[in-house]
Amino acid sequence: MITGIGLDIVELGRIRRLDGRSAKFRERVLTDRELAEYELLSDSRKTEYLAGRFAAKEAFGKAKGTGIGKFCSFKDIEIRKDPSGKPSVFFHEQPDGLVSITHTKEYAAAQILLQS
C-alpha cells in the first residue's frame, strides 16, 4: 500500500550559487557518505548531484508528511546508489522507499514513493 508520495523541483542555478558561496549548504544537506561521493565529481556534475539530493530529500519530507525539520532532517535521509546506479532512499540508515531523480540543463527534480 502506498503511504506517501513526494515531489520536488529545484533550479540548478540556485544550487550552484548557494554551493559557490561556501561549503555550509552542502554540509547541511549531504551526509558524510554523500559528501565523499560529491568530492569525486566534476564541477558541473557536483551541482547536479547536490541539486538532485536536495530535491530528493525535500520530496521525502513531503512524502513522510513532516517536511524537513525537527522530525526529519537532511542528515537523516541518505540517497544511495546500487552497483548499477539505481538510487534508493534510506531514513535513519534503513531503506525507506523508492526514489527517482532527473536533471535537465536548468532543473533537478525528484519523486519519492513510500510503501508499507
PDB file of N, CA and C in Angstrom:
ATOM      1  N   MET A   1       0.833  -1.172   0.000  1.00  0.00           N
ATOM      2  CA  MET A   1       0.000   0.000   0.000  1.00  0.00           C
ATOM      3  C   MET A   1       0.888   1.251   0.000  1.00  0.00           C
ATOM      4  N   ILE A   2       0.541   2.217  -0.818  1.00  0.00           N
ATOM      5  CA  ILE A   2       1.273   3.482  -0.877  1.00  0.00           C
ATOM      6  C   ILE A   2       0.906   4.315   0.351  1.00  0.00           C
ATOM      7  N   THR A   3       1.928   4.779   1.066  1.00  0.00           N
ATOM      8  CA  THR A   3       1.695   5.580   2.267  1.00  0.00           C
ATOM      9  C   THR A   3       2.108   7.037   2.096  1.00  0.00           C
ATOM     10  N   GLY A   4       2.815   7.348   1.015  1.00  0.00           N
ATOM     11  CA  GLY A   4       3.201   8.727   0.782  1.00  0.00           C
ATOM     12  C   GLY A   4       3.861   8.917  -0.563  1.00  0.00           C
ATOM     13  N   ILE A   5       3.609  10.082  -1.150  1.00  0.00           N
ATOM     14  CA  ILE A   5       4.241  10.460  -2.414  1.00  0.00           C
ATOM     15  C   ILE A   5       4.769  11.882  -2.230  1.00  0.00           C
ATOM     16  N   GLY A   6       5.991  12.104  -2.670  1.00  0.00           N
ATOM     17  CA  GLY A   6       6.563  13.445  -2.595  1.00  0.00           C
ATOM     18  C   GLY A   6       7.246  13.803  -3.900  1.00  0.00           C
ATOM     19  N   LEU A   7       7.197  15.071  -4.257  1.00  0.00           N
ATOM     20  CA  LEU A   7       7.793  15.562  -5.490  1.00  0.00           C
ATOM     21  C   LEU A   7       8.434  16.911  -5.209  1.00  0.00           C
ATOM     22  N   ASP A   8       9.625  17.142  -5.780  1.00  0.00           N
ATOM     23  CA  ASP A   8      10.267  18.439  -5.616  1.00  0.00           C
ATOM     24  C   ASP A   8      11.076  18.752  -6.868  1.00  0.00           C
ATOM     25  N   ILE A   9      11.179  20.026  -7.165  1.00  0.00           N
ATOM     26  CA  ILE A   9      11.986  20.503  -8.288  1.00  0.00           C
ATOM     27  C   ILE A   9      12.796  21.705  -7.810  1.00  0.00           C
ATOM     28  N   VAL A  10      14.021  21.825  -8.291  1.00  0.00           N
ATOM     29  CA  VAL A  10      14.904  22.911  -7.877  1.00  0.00           C
ATOM     30  C   VAL A  10      15.693  23.411  -9.082  1.00  0.00           C
ATOM     31  N   GLU A  11      15.981  24.713  -9.083  1.00  0.00           N
ATOM     32  CA  GLU A  11      16.770  25.305 -10.156  1.00  0.00           C
ATOM     33  C   GLU A  11      18.253  25.041  -9.914  1.00  0.00           C
ATOM     34  N   LEU A  12      18.948  24.533 -10.918  1.00  0.00           N
ATOM     35  CA  LEU A  12      20.383  24.270 -10.787  1.00  0.00           C
ATOM     36  C   LEU A  12      21.167  25.555 -10.504  1.00  0.00           C
ATOM     37  N   GLY A  13      20.757  26.658 -11.102  1.00  0.00           N
ATOM     38  CA  GLY A  13      21.449  27.923 -10.873  1.00  0.00           C
ATOM     39  C   GLY A  13      21.403  28.349  -9.414  1.00  0.00           C
ATOM     40  N   ARG A  14      20.270  28.137  -8.772  1.00  0.00           N
ATOM     41  CA  ARG A  14      20.131  28.483  -7.350  1.00  0.00           C
ATOM     42  C   ARG A  14      21.072  27.635  -6.493  1.00  0.00           C
ATOM     43  N   ILE A  15      21.126  26.343  -6.782  1.00  0.00           N
ATOM     44  CA  ILE A  15      22.001  25.443  -6.028  1.00  0.00           C
ATOM     45  C   ILE A  15      23.461  25.786  -6.283  1.00  0.00           C
ATOM     46  N   ARG A  16      23.808  26.102  -7.535  1.00  0.00           N
ATOM     47  CA  ARG A  16      25.184  26.472  -7.884  1.00  0.00           C
ATOM     48  C   ARG A  16      25.619  27.712  -7.099  1.00  0.00           C
ATOM     49  N   ARG A  17      24.718  28.723  -7.012  1.00  0.00           N
ATOM     50  CA  ARG A  17      25.038  29.941  -6.261  1.00  0.00           C
ATOM     51  C   ARG A  17      25.223  29.652  -4.768  1.00  0.00           C
ATOM     52  N   LEU A  18      24.307  28.889  -4.188  1.00  0.00           N
ATOM     53  CA  LEU A  18      24.410  28.554  -2.759  1.00  0.00           C
ATOM     54  C   LEU A  18      25.681  27.771  -2.464  1.00  0.00           C
ATOM     55  N   ASP A  19      25.986  26.811  -3.312  1.00  0.00           N
ATOM     56  CA  ASP A  19      27.169  25.973  -3.106  1.00  0.00           C
ATOM     57  C   ASP A  19      28.450  26.770  -3.347  1.00  0.00           C
ATOM     58  N   GLY A  20      28.400  27.730  -4.262  1.00  0.00           N
ATOM     59  CA  GLY A  20      29.580  28.525  -4.581  1.00  0.00           C
ATOM     60  C   GLY A  20      29.968  29.506  -3.485  1.00  0.00           C
ATOM     61  N   ARG A  21      29.005  29.915  -2.686  1.00  0.00           N
ATOM     62  CA  ARG A  21      29.277  30.880  -1.611  1.00  0.00           C
ATOM     63  C   ARG A  21      30.112  30.272  -0.494  1.00  0.00           C
ATOM     64  N   SER A  22      29.763  29.046  -0.115  1.00  0.00           N
ATOM     65  CA  SER A  22      30.519  28.348   0.940  1.00  0.00           C
ATOM     66  C   SER A  22      30.097  26.889   0.964  1.00  0.00           C
ATOM     67  N   ALA A  23      30.823  26.103   1.729  1.00  0.00           N
ATOM     68  CA  ALA A  23      30.520  24.669   1.847  1.00  0.00           C
ATOM     69  C   ALA A  23      29.371  24.407   2.810  1.00  0.00           C
ATOM     70  N   LYS A  24      28.888  25.428   3.509  1.00  0.00           N
ATOM     71  CA  LYS A  24      27.855  25.230   4.533  1.00  0.00           C
ATOM     72  C   LYS A  24      26.587  24.589   3.986  1.00  0.00           C
ATOM     73  N   PHE A  25      26.150  25.020   2.813  1.00  0.00           N
ATOM     74  CA  PHE A  25      24.912  24.474   2.256  1.00  0.00           C
ATOM     75  C   PHE A  25      25.052  22.972   2.008  1.00  0.00           C
ATOM     76  N   ARG A  26      26.110  22.578   1.304  1.00  0.00           N
ATOM     77  CA  ARG A  26      26.282  21.143   1.005  1.00  0.00           C
ATOM     78  C   ARG A  26      26.503  20.338   2.278  1.00  0.00           C
ATOM     79  N   GLU A  27      27.188  20.901   3.244  1.00  0.00           N
ATOM     80  CA  GLU A  27      27.427  20.193   4.503  1.00  0.00           C
ATOM     81  C   GLU A  27      26.151  20.034   5.328  1.00  0.00           C
ATOM     82  N   ARG A  28      25.189  20.916   5.133  1.00  0.00           N
ATOM     83  CA  ARG A  28      23.900  20.815   5.824  1.00  0.00           C
ATOM     84  C   ARG A  28      22.989  19.791   5.145  1.00  0.00           C
ATOM     85  N   VAL A  29      23.096  19.673   3.821  1.00  0.00           N
ATOM     86  CA  VAL A  29      22.201  18.816   3.038  1.00  0.00           C
ATOM     87  C   VAL A  29      22.721  17.387   2.911  1.00  0.00           C
ATOM     88  N   LEU A  30      24.019  17.223   2.679  1.00  0.00           N
ATOM     89  CA  LEU A  30      24.574  15.903   2.373  1.00  0.00           C
ATOM     90  C   LEU A  30      25.100  15.189   3.615  1.00  0.00           C
ATOM     91  N   THR A  31      24.925  13.869   3.647  1.00  0.00           N
ATOM     92  CA  THR A  31      25.529  13.049   4.697  1.00  0.00           C
ATOM     93  C   THR A  31      27.026  12.905   4.408  1.00  0.00           C
ATOM     94  N   ASP A  32      27.764  12.345   5.334  1.00  0.00           N
ATOM     95  CA  ASP A  32      29.203  12.147   5.125  1.00  0.00           C
ATOM     96  C   ASP A  32      29.469  11.278   3.892  1.00  0.00           C
ATOM     97  N   ARG A  33      28.695  10.225   3.719  1.00  0.00           N
ATOM     98  CA  ARG A  33      28.862   9.342   2.558  1.00  0.00           C
ATOM     99  C   ARG A  33      28.582  10.103   1.261  1.00  0.00           C
ATOM    100  N   GLU A  34      27.520  10.905   1.259  1.00  0.00           N
ATOM    101  CA  GLU A  34      27.181  11.686   0.075  1.00  0.00           C
ATOM    102  C   GLU A  34      28.252  12.747  -0.204  1.00  0.00           C
ATOM    103  N   LEU A  35      28.769  13.371   0.840  1.00  0.00           N
ATOM    104  CA  LEU A  35      29.843  14.361   0.659  1.00  0.00           C
ATOM    105  C   LEU A  35      31.076  13.732   0.022  1.00  0.00           C
ATOM    106  N   ALA A  36      31.405  12.509   0.439  1.00  0.00           N
ATOM    107  CA  ALA A  36      32.558  11.814  -0.145  1.00  0.00           C
ATOM    108  C   ALA A  36      32.332  11.565  -1.634  1.00  0.00           C
ATOM    109  N   GLU A  37      31.124  11.173  -2.037  1.00  0.00           N
ATOM    110  CA  GLU A  37      30.802  10.975  -3.460  1.00  0.00           C
ATOM    111  C   GLU A  37      30.866  12.308  -4.205  1.00  0.00           C
ATOM    112  N   TYR A  38      30.317  13.350  -3.600  1.00  0.00           N
ATOM    113  CA  TYR A  38      30.296  14.686  -4.192  1.00  0.00           C
ATOM    114  C   TYR A  38      31.709  15.150  -4.543  1.00  0.00           C
ATOM    115  N   GLU A  39      32.641  14.944  -3.640  1.00  0.00           N
ATOM    116  CA  GLU A  39      34.017  15.419  -3.834  1.00  0.00           C
ATOM    117  C   GLU A  39      34.713  14.765  -5.028  1.00  0.00           C
ATOM    118  N   LEU A  40      34.253  13.607  -5.466  1.00  0.00           N
ATOM    119  CA  LEU A  40      34.870  12.893  -6.585  1.00  0.00           C
ATOM    120  C   LEU A  40      34.367  13.366  -7.953  1.00  0.00           C
ATOM    121  N   LEU A  41      33.358  14.232  -7.965  1.00  0.00           N
ATOM    122  CA  LEU A  41      32.703  14.624  -9.212  1.00  0.00           C
ATOM    123  C   LEU A  41      33.326  15.868  -9.837  1.00  0.00           C
ATOM    124  N   SER A  42      33.067  16.048 -11.146  1.00  0.00           N
ATOM    125  CA  SER A  42      33.475  17.284 -11.831  1.00  0.00           C
ATOM    126  C   SER A  42      32.602  18.430 -11.320  1.00  0.00           C
ATOM    127  N   ASP A  43      33.018  19.663 -11.566  1.00  0.00           N
ATOM    128  CA  ASP A  43      32.275  20.818 -11.056  1.00  0.00           C
ATOM    129  C   ASP A  43      30.824  20.837 -11.547  1.00  0.00           C
ATOM    130  N   SER A  44      30.607  20.597 -12.833  1.00  0.00           N
ATOM    131  CA  SER A  44      29.231  20.628 -13.340  1.00  0.00           C
ATOM    132  C   SER A  44      28.406  19.484 -12.759  1.00  0.00           C
ATOM    133  N   ARG A  45      29.001  18.343 -12.594  1.00  0.00           N
ATOM    134  CA  ARG A  45      28.292  17.193 -12.027  1.00  0.00           C
ATOM    135  C   ARG A  45      28.000  17.395 -10.538  1.00  0.00           C
ATOM    136  N   LYS A  46      28.869  18.133  -9.841  1.00  0.00           N
ATOM    137  CA  LYS A  46      28.641  18.428  -8.420  1.00  0.00           C
ATOM    138  C   LYS A  46      27.320  19.161  -8.228  1.00  0.00           C
ATOM    139  N   THR A  47      27.052  20.139  -9.080  1.00  0.00           N
ATOM    140  CA  THR A  47      25.804  20.897  -8.975  1.00  0.00           C
ATOM    141  C   THR A  47      24.605  19.983  -9.201  1.00  0.00           C
ATOM    142  N   GLU A  48      24.647  19.149 -10.226  1.00  0.00           N
ATOM    143  CA  GLU A  48      23.549  18.213 -10.492  1.00  0.00           C
ATOM    144  C   GLU A  48      23.342  17.261  -9.323  1.00  0.00           C
ATOM    145  N   TYR A  49      24.431  16.738  -8.792  1.00  0.00           N
ATOM    146  CA  TYR A  49      24.373  15.793  -7.679  1.00  0.00           C
ATOM    147  C   TYR A  49      23.739  16.442  -6.447  1.00  0.00           C
ATOM    148  N   LEU A  50      24.237  17.618  -6.078  1.00  0.00           N
ATOM    149  CA  LEU A  50      23.729  18.316  -4.901  1.00  0.00           C
ATOM    150  C   LEU A  50      22.264  18.707  -5.091  1.00  0.00           C
ATOM    151  N   ALA A  51      21.924  19.205  -6.258  1.00  0.00           N
ATOM    152  CA  ALA A  51      20.546  19.596  -6.536  1.00  0.00           C
ATOM    153  C   ALA A  51      19.615  18.386  -6.512  1.00  0.00           C
ATOM    154  N   GLY A  52      20.056  17.280  -7.080  1.00  0.00           N
ATOM    155  CA  GLY A  52      19.246  16.067  -7.075  1.00  0.00           C
ATOM    156  C   GLY A  52      19.022  15.535  -5.676  1.00  0.00           C
ATOM    157  N   ARG A  53      20.071  15.538  -4.856  1.00  0.00           N
ATOM    158  CA  ARG A  53      19.937  15.075  -3.467  1.00  0.00           C
ATOM    159  C   ARG A  53      19.038  16.010  -2.665  1.00  0.00           C
ATOM    160  N   PHE A  54      19.191  17.322  -2.884  1.00  0.00           N
ATOM    161  CA  PHE A  54      18.347  18.289  -2.197  1.00  0.00           C
ATOM    162  C   PHE A  54      16.876  18.055  -2.557  1.00  0.00           C
ATOM    163  N   ALA A  55      16.582  17.925  -3.852  1.00  0.00           N
ATOM    164  CA  ALA A  55      15.205  17.705  -4.298  1.00  0.00           C
ATOM    165  C   ALA A  55      14.653  16.391  -3.742  1.00  0.00           C
ATOM    166  N   ALA A  56      15.469  15.339  -3.744  1.00  0.00           N
ATOM    167  CA  ALA A  56      15.020  14.040  -3.236  1.00  0.00           C
ATOM    168  C   ALA A  56      14.695  14.112  -1.744  1.00  0.00           C
ATOM    169  N   LYS A  57      15.517  14.811  -0.996  1.00  0.00           N
ATOM    170  CA  LYS A  57      15.289  14.907   0.451  1.00  0.00           C
ATOM    171  C   LYS A  57      14.071  15.773   0.756  1.00  0.00           C
ATOM    172  N   GLU A  58      13.876  16.840  -0.009  1.00  0.00           N
ATOM    173  CA  GLU A  58      12.660  17.648   0.146  1.00  0.00           C
ATOM    174  C   GLU A  58      11.426  16.816  -0.201  1.00  0.00           C
ATOM    175  N   ALA A  59      11.508  16.041  -1.280  1.00  0.00           N
ATOM    176  CA  ALA A  59      10.388  15.178  -1.675  1.00  0.00           C
ATOM    177  C   ALA A  59      10.110  14.126  -0.606  1.00  0.00           C
ATOM    178  N   PHE A  60      11.163  13.597   0.010  1.00  0.00           N
ATOM    179  CA  PHE A  60      10.990  12.610   1.066  1.00  0.00           C
ATOM    180  C   PHE A  60      10.243  13.214   2.258  1.00  0.00           C
ATOM    181  N   GLY A  61      10.626  14.420   2.663  1.00  0.00           N
ATOM    182  CA  GLY A  61       9.931  15.097   3.754  1.00  0.00           C
ATOM    183  C   GLY A  61       8.455  15.303   3.447  1.00  0.00           C
ATOM    184  N   LYS A  62       8.144  15.599   2.209  1.00  0.00           N
ATOM    185  CA  LYS A  62       6.747  15.753   1.793  1.00  0.00           C
ATOM    186  C   LYS A  62       6.014  14.419   1.842  1.00  0.00           C
ATOM    187  N   ALA A  63       6.667  13.363   1.358  1.00  0.00           N
ATOM    188  CA  ALA A  63       6.040  12.034   1.369  1.00  0.00           C
ATOM    189  C   ALA A  63       5.795  11.549   2.793  1.00  0.00           C
ATOM    190  N   LYS A  64       6.716  11.857   3.703  1.00  0.00           N
ATOM    191  CA  LYS A  64       6.564  11.480   5.118  1.00  0.00           C
ATOM    192  C   LYS A  64       5.475  12.292   5.800  1.00  0.00           C
ATOM    193  N   GLY A  65       5.223  13.492   5.259  1.00  0.00           N
ATOM    194  CA  GLY A  65       4.235  14.374   5.861  1.00  0.00           C
ATOM    195  C   GLY A  65       4.802  15.256   6.956  1.00  0.00           C
ATOM    196  N   THR A  66       6.110  15.268   7.107  1.00  0.00           N
ATOM    197  CA  THR A  66       6.754  16.051   8.162  1.00  0.00           C
ATOM    198  C   THR A  66       7.473  17.272   7.616  1.00  0.00           C
ATOM    199  N   GLY A  67       7.827  17.250   6.331  1.00  0.00           N
ATOM    200  CA  GLY A  67       8.707  18.267   5.790  1.00  0.00           C
ATOM    201  C   GLY A  67      10.103  18.066   6.378  1.00  0.00           C
ATOM    202  N   ILE A  68      11.003  18.970   6.053  1.00  0.00           N
ATOM    203  CA  ILE A  68      12.351  18.921   6.617  1.00  0.00           C
ATOM    204  C   ILE A  68      12.342  19.783   7.875  1.00  0.00           C
ATOM    205  N   GLY A  69      12.748  19.191   8.973  1.00  0.00           N
ATOM    206  CA  GLY A  69      12.737  19.932  10.236  1.00  0.00           C
ATOM    207  C   GLY A  69      13.122  19.044  11.395  1.00  0.00           C
ATOM    208  N   LYS A  70      12.455  19.239  12.505  1.00  0.00           N
ATOM    209  CA  LYS A  70      12.784  18.562  13.756  1.00  0.00           C
ATOM    210  C   LYS A  70      12.711  17.038  13.651  1.00  0.00           C
ATOM    211  N   PHE A  71      11.697  16.518  12.987  1.00  0.00           N
ATOM    212  CA  PHE A  71      11.485  15.067  12.945  1.00  0.00           C
ATOM    213  C   PHE A  71      12.113  14.392  11.730  1.00  0.00           C
ATOM    214  N   CYS A  72      12.594  15.194  10.804  1.00  0.00           N
ATOM    215  CA  CYS A  72      13.161  14.639   9.569  1.00  0.00           C
ATOM    216  C   CYS A  72      14.150  15.657   9.004  1.00  0.00           C
ATOM    217  N   SER A  73      15.429  15.498   9.333  1.00  0.00           N
ATOM    218  CA  SER A  73      16.435  16.450   8.854  1.00  0.00           C
ATOM    219  C   SER A  73      17.098  15.926   7.582  1.00  0.00           C
ATOM    220  N   PHE A  74      17.785  16.824   6.881  1.00  0.00           N
ATOM    221  CA  PHE A  74      18.521  16.417   5.685  1.00  0.00           C
ATOM    222  C   PHE A  74      19.500  15.285   5.999  1.00  0.00           C
ATOM    223  N   LYS A  75      20.144  15.346   7.149  1.00  0.00           N
ATOM    224  CA  LYS A  75      21.146  14.345   7.522  1.00  0.00           C
ATOM    225  C   LYS A  75      20.522  12.995   7.883  1.00  0.00           C
ATOM    226  N   ASP A  76      19.215  12.965   8.187  1.00  0.00           N
ATOM    227  CA  ASP A  76      18.520  11.706   8.481  1.00  0.00           C
ATOM    228  C   ASP A  76      18.234  10.905   7.214  1.00  0.00           C
ATOM    229  N   ILE A  77      18.279  11.589   6.069  1.00  0.00           N
ATOM    230  CA  ILE A  77      17.921  10.997   4.780  1.00  0.00           C
ATOM    231  C   ILE A  77      19.189  10.838   3.955  1.00  0.00           C
ATOM    232  N   GLU A  78      19.345   9.672   3.358  1.00  0.00           N
ATOM    233  CA  GLU A  78      20.516   9.449   2.506  1.00  0.00           C
ATOM    234  C   GLU A  78      20.071   8.769   1.222  1.00  0.00           C
ATOM    235  N   ILE A  79      20.588   9.259   0.111  1.00  0.00           N
ATOM    236  CA  ILE A  79      20.327   8.646  -1.187  1.00  0.00           C
ATOM    237  C   ILE A  79      21.561   7.835  -1.548  1.00  0.00           C
ATOM    238  N   ARG A  80      21.370   6.538  -1.732  1.00  0.00           N
ATOM    239  CA  ARG A  80      22.467   5.637  -2.090  1.00  0.00           C
ATOM    240  C   ARG A  80      22.188   5.014  -3.444  1.00  0.00           C
ATOM    241  N   LYS A  81      23.273   4.697  -4.154  1.00  0.00           N
ATOM    242  CA  LYS A  81      23.155   4.035  -5.459  1.00  0.00           C
ATOM    243  C   LYS A  81      23.580   2.577  -5.329  1.00  0.00           C
ATOM    244  N   ASP A  82      22.843   1.703  -6.013  1.00  0.00           N
ATOM    245  CA  ASP A  82      23.288   0.312  -6.064  1.00  0.00           C
ATOM    246  C   ASP A  82      24.368   0.199  -7.145  1.00  0.00           C
ATOM    247  N   PRO A  83      24.983  -0.962  -7.319  1.00  0.00           N
ATOM    248  CA  PRO A  83      26.077  -1.097  -8.295  1.00  0.00           C
ATOM    249  C   PRO A  83      25.709  -0.680  -9.724  1.00  0.00           C
ATOM    250  N   SER A  84      24.428  -0.780 -10.086  1.00  0.00           N
ATOM    251  CA  SER A  84      24.019  -0.373 -11.434  1.00  0.00           C
ATOM    252  C   SER A  84      23.711   1.119 -11.530  1.00  0.00           C
ATOM    253  N   GLY A  85      23.725   1.823 -10.380  1.00  0.00           N
ATOM    254  CA  GLY A  85      23.456   3.256 -10.368  1.00  0.00           C
ATOM    255  C   GLY A  85      22.053   3.631  -9.947  1.00  0.00           C
ATOM    256  N   LYS A  86      21.200   2.651  -9.697  1.00  0.00           N
ATOM    257  CA  LYS A  86      19.821   2.918  -9.283  1.00  0.00           C
ATOM    258  C   LYS A  86      19.817   3.517  -7.876  1.00  0.00           C
ATOM    259  N   PRO A  87      19.167   4.685  -7.707  1.00  0.00           N
ATOM    260  CA  PRO A  87      19.142   5.300  -6.379  1.00  0.00           C
ATOM    261  C   PRO A  87      18.090   4.673  -5.470  1.00  0.00           C
ATOM    262  N   SER A  88      18.386   4.680  -4.180  1.00  0.00           N
ATOM    263  CA  SER A  88      17.449   4.245  -3.148  1.00  0.00           C
ATOM    264  C   SER A  88      17.506   5.263  -2.022  1.00  0.00           C
ATOM    265  N   VAL A  89      16.409   5.376  -1.278  1.00  0.00           N
ATOM    266  CA  VAL A  89      16.367   6.319  -0.168  1.00  0.00           C
ATOM    267  C   VAL A  89      16.422   5.560   1.150  1.00  0.00           C
ATOM    268  N   PHE A  90      17.254   6.062   2.060  1.00  0.00           N
ATOM    269  CA  PHE A  90      17.401   5.492   3.397  1.00  0.00           C
ATOM    270  C   PHE A  90      17.053   6.574   4.415  1.00  0.00           C
ATOM    271  N   PHE A  91      16.310   6.184   5.440  1.00  0.00           N
ATOM    272  CA  PHE A  91      15.936   7.096   6.521  1.00  0.00           C
ATOM    273  C   PHE A  91      16.435   6.482   7.820  1.00  0.00           C
ATOM    274  N   HIS A  92      17.267   7.208   8.536  1.00  0.00           N
ATOM    275  CA  HIS A  92      17.916   6.679   9.748  1.00  0.00           C
ATOM    276  C   HIS A  92      18.596   5.340   9.453  1.00  0.00           C
ATOM    277  N   GLU A  93      19.326   5.305   8.331  1.00  0.00           N
ATOM    278  CA  GLU A  93      20.117   4.133   7.920  1.00  0.00           C
ATOM    279  C   GLU A  93      19.292   2.928   7.463  1.00  0.00           C
ATOM    280  N   GLN A  94      17.959   3.068   7.362  1.00  0.00           N
ATOM    281  CA  GLN A  94      17.098   1.962   6.941  1.00  0.00           C
ATOM    282  C   GLN A  94      16.482   2.275   5.576  1.00  0.00           C
ATOM    283  N   PRO A  95      16.401   1.271   4.673  1.00  0.00           N
ATOM    284  CA  PRO A  95      15.734   1.513   3.385  1.00  0.00           C
ATOM    285  C   PRO A  95      14.291   1.952   3.633  1.00  0.00           C
ATOM    286  N   ASP A  96      13.851   2.990   2.922  1.00  0.00           N
ATOM    287  CA  ASP A  96      12.520   3.528   3.227  1.00  0.00           C
ATOM    288  C   ASP A  96      11.866   4.169   2.018  1.00  0.00           C
ATOM    289  N   GLY A  97      11.766   3.454   0.923  1.00  0.00           N
ATOM    290  CA  GLY A  97      11.019   3.996  -0.202  1.00  0.00           C
ATOM    291  C   GLY A  97      11.772   3.941  -1.515  1.00  0.00           C
ATOM    292  N   LEU A  98      11.079   4.373  -2.533  1.00  0.00           N
ATOM    293  CA  LEU A  98      11.611   4.401  -3.897  1.00  0.00           C
ATOM    294  C   LEU A  98      11.836   5.853  -4.296  1.00  0.00           C
ATOM    295  N   VAL A  99      12.889   6.080  -5.060  1.00  0.00           N
ATOM    296  CA  VAL A  99      13.220   7.443  -5.476  1.00  0.00           C
ATOM    297  C   VAL A  99      13.576   7.467  -6.955  1.00  0.00           C
ATOM    298  N   SER A 100      13.183   8.545  -7.612  1.00  0.00           N
ATOM    299  CA  SER A 100      13.588   8.810  -8.981  1.00  0.00           C
ATOM    300  C   SER A 100      14.096  10.241  -9.030  1.00  0.00           C
ATOM    301  N   ILE A 101      15.279  10.425  -9.604  1.00  0.00           N
ATOM    302  CA  ILE A 101      15.900  11.749  -9.705  1.00  0.00           C
ATOM    303  C   ILE A 101      16.198  12.017 -11.177  1.00  0.00           C
ATOM    304  N   THR A 102      15.908  13.230 -11.627  1.00  0.00           N
ATOM    305  CA  THR A 102      16.176  13.596 -13.013  1.00  0.00           C
ATOM    306  C   THR A 102      16.766  14.995 -13.075  1.00  0.00           C
ATOM    307  N   HIS A 103      17.473  15.284 -14.178  1.00  0.00           N
ATOM    308  CA  HIS A 103      18.096  16.593 -14.384  1.00  0.00           C
ATOM    309  C   HIS A 103      17.822  17.062 -15.804  1.00  0.00           C
ATOM    310  N   THR A 104      17.694  18.365 -15.938  1.00  0.00           N
ATOM    311  CA  THR A 104      17.729  18.994 -17.254  1.00  0.00           C
ATOM    312  C   THR A 104      18.866  20.005 -17.207  1.00  0.00           C
ATOM    313  N   LYS A 105      18.960  20.822 -18.207  1.00  0.00           N
ATOM    314  CA  LYS A 105      20.001  21.844 -18.235  1.00  0.00           C
ATOM    315  C   LYS A 105      19.811  22.866 -17.115  1.00  0.00           C
ATOM    316  N   GLU A 106      18.555  23.089 -16.696  1.00  0.00           N
ATOM    317  CA  GLU A 106      18.256  24.131 -15.724  1.00  0.00           C
ATOM    318  C   GLU A 106      17.663  23.638 -14.408  1.00  0.00           C
ATOM    319  N   TYR A 107      17.163  22.401 -14.366  1.00  0.00           N
ATOM    320  CA  TYR A 107      16.443  21.927 -13.178  1.00  0.00           C
ATOM    321  C   TYR A 107      16.881  20.520 -12.764  1.00  0.00           C
ATOM    322  N   ALA A 108      16.659  20.235 -11.492  1.00  0.00           N
ATOM    323  CA  ALA A 108      16.740  18.865 -10.984  1.00  0.00           C
ATOM    324  C   ALA A 108      15.406  18.616 -10.292  1.00  0.00           C
ATOM    325  N   ALA A 109      14.903  17.400 -10.437  1.00  0.00           N
ATOM    326  CA  ALA A 109      13.627  17.036  -9.816  1.00  0.00           C
ATOM    327  C   ALA A 109      13.747  15.635  -9.244  1.00  0.00           C
ATOM    328  N   ALA A 110      12.931  15.374  -8.227  1.00  0.00           N
ATOM    329  CA  ALA A 110      12.924  14.052  -7.614  1.00  0.00           C
ATOM    330  C   ALA A 110      11.518  13.711  -7.167  1.00  0.00           C
ATOM    331  N   GLN A 111      11.232  12.424  -7.213  1.00  0.00           N
ATOM    332  CA  GLN A 111       9.954  11.907  -6.725  1.00  0.00           C
ATOM    333  C   GLN A 111      10.249  10.747  -5.785  1.00  0.00           C
ATOM    334  N   ILE A 112       9.497  10.701  -4.690  1.00  0.00           N
ATOM    335  CA  ILE A 112       9.617   9.650  -3.685  1.00  0.00           C
ATOM    336  C   ILE A 112       8.284   8.942  -3.554  1.00  0.00           C
ATOM    337  N   LEU A 113       8.345   7.621  -3.436  1.00  0.00           N
ATOM    338  CA  LEU A 113       7.164   6.800  -3.194  1.00  0.00           C
ATOM    339  C   LEU A 113       7.429   5.948  -1.960  1.00  0.00           C
ATOM    340  N   LEU A 114       6.589   6.109  -0.939  1.00  0.00           N
ATOM    341  CA  LEU A 114       6.719   5.317   0.279  1.00  0.00           C
ATOM    342  C   LEU A 114       5.619   4.271   0.293  1.00  0.00           C
ATOM    343  N   GLN A 115       5.981   3.061   0.755  1.00  0.00           N
ATOM    344  CA  GLN A 115       5.036   1.941   0.798  1.00  0.00           C
ATOM    345  C   GLN A 115       5.106   1.264   2.159  1.00  0.00           C
ATOM    346  N   SER A 116       4.024   0.611   2.519  1.00  0.00           N
ATOM    347  CA  SER A 116       4.059  -0.180   3.756  1.00  0.00           C
ATOM    348  C   SER A 116       3.931  -1.645   3.413  1.00  0.00           C
TER     349      SER A 116
END
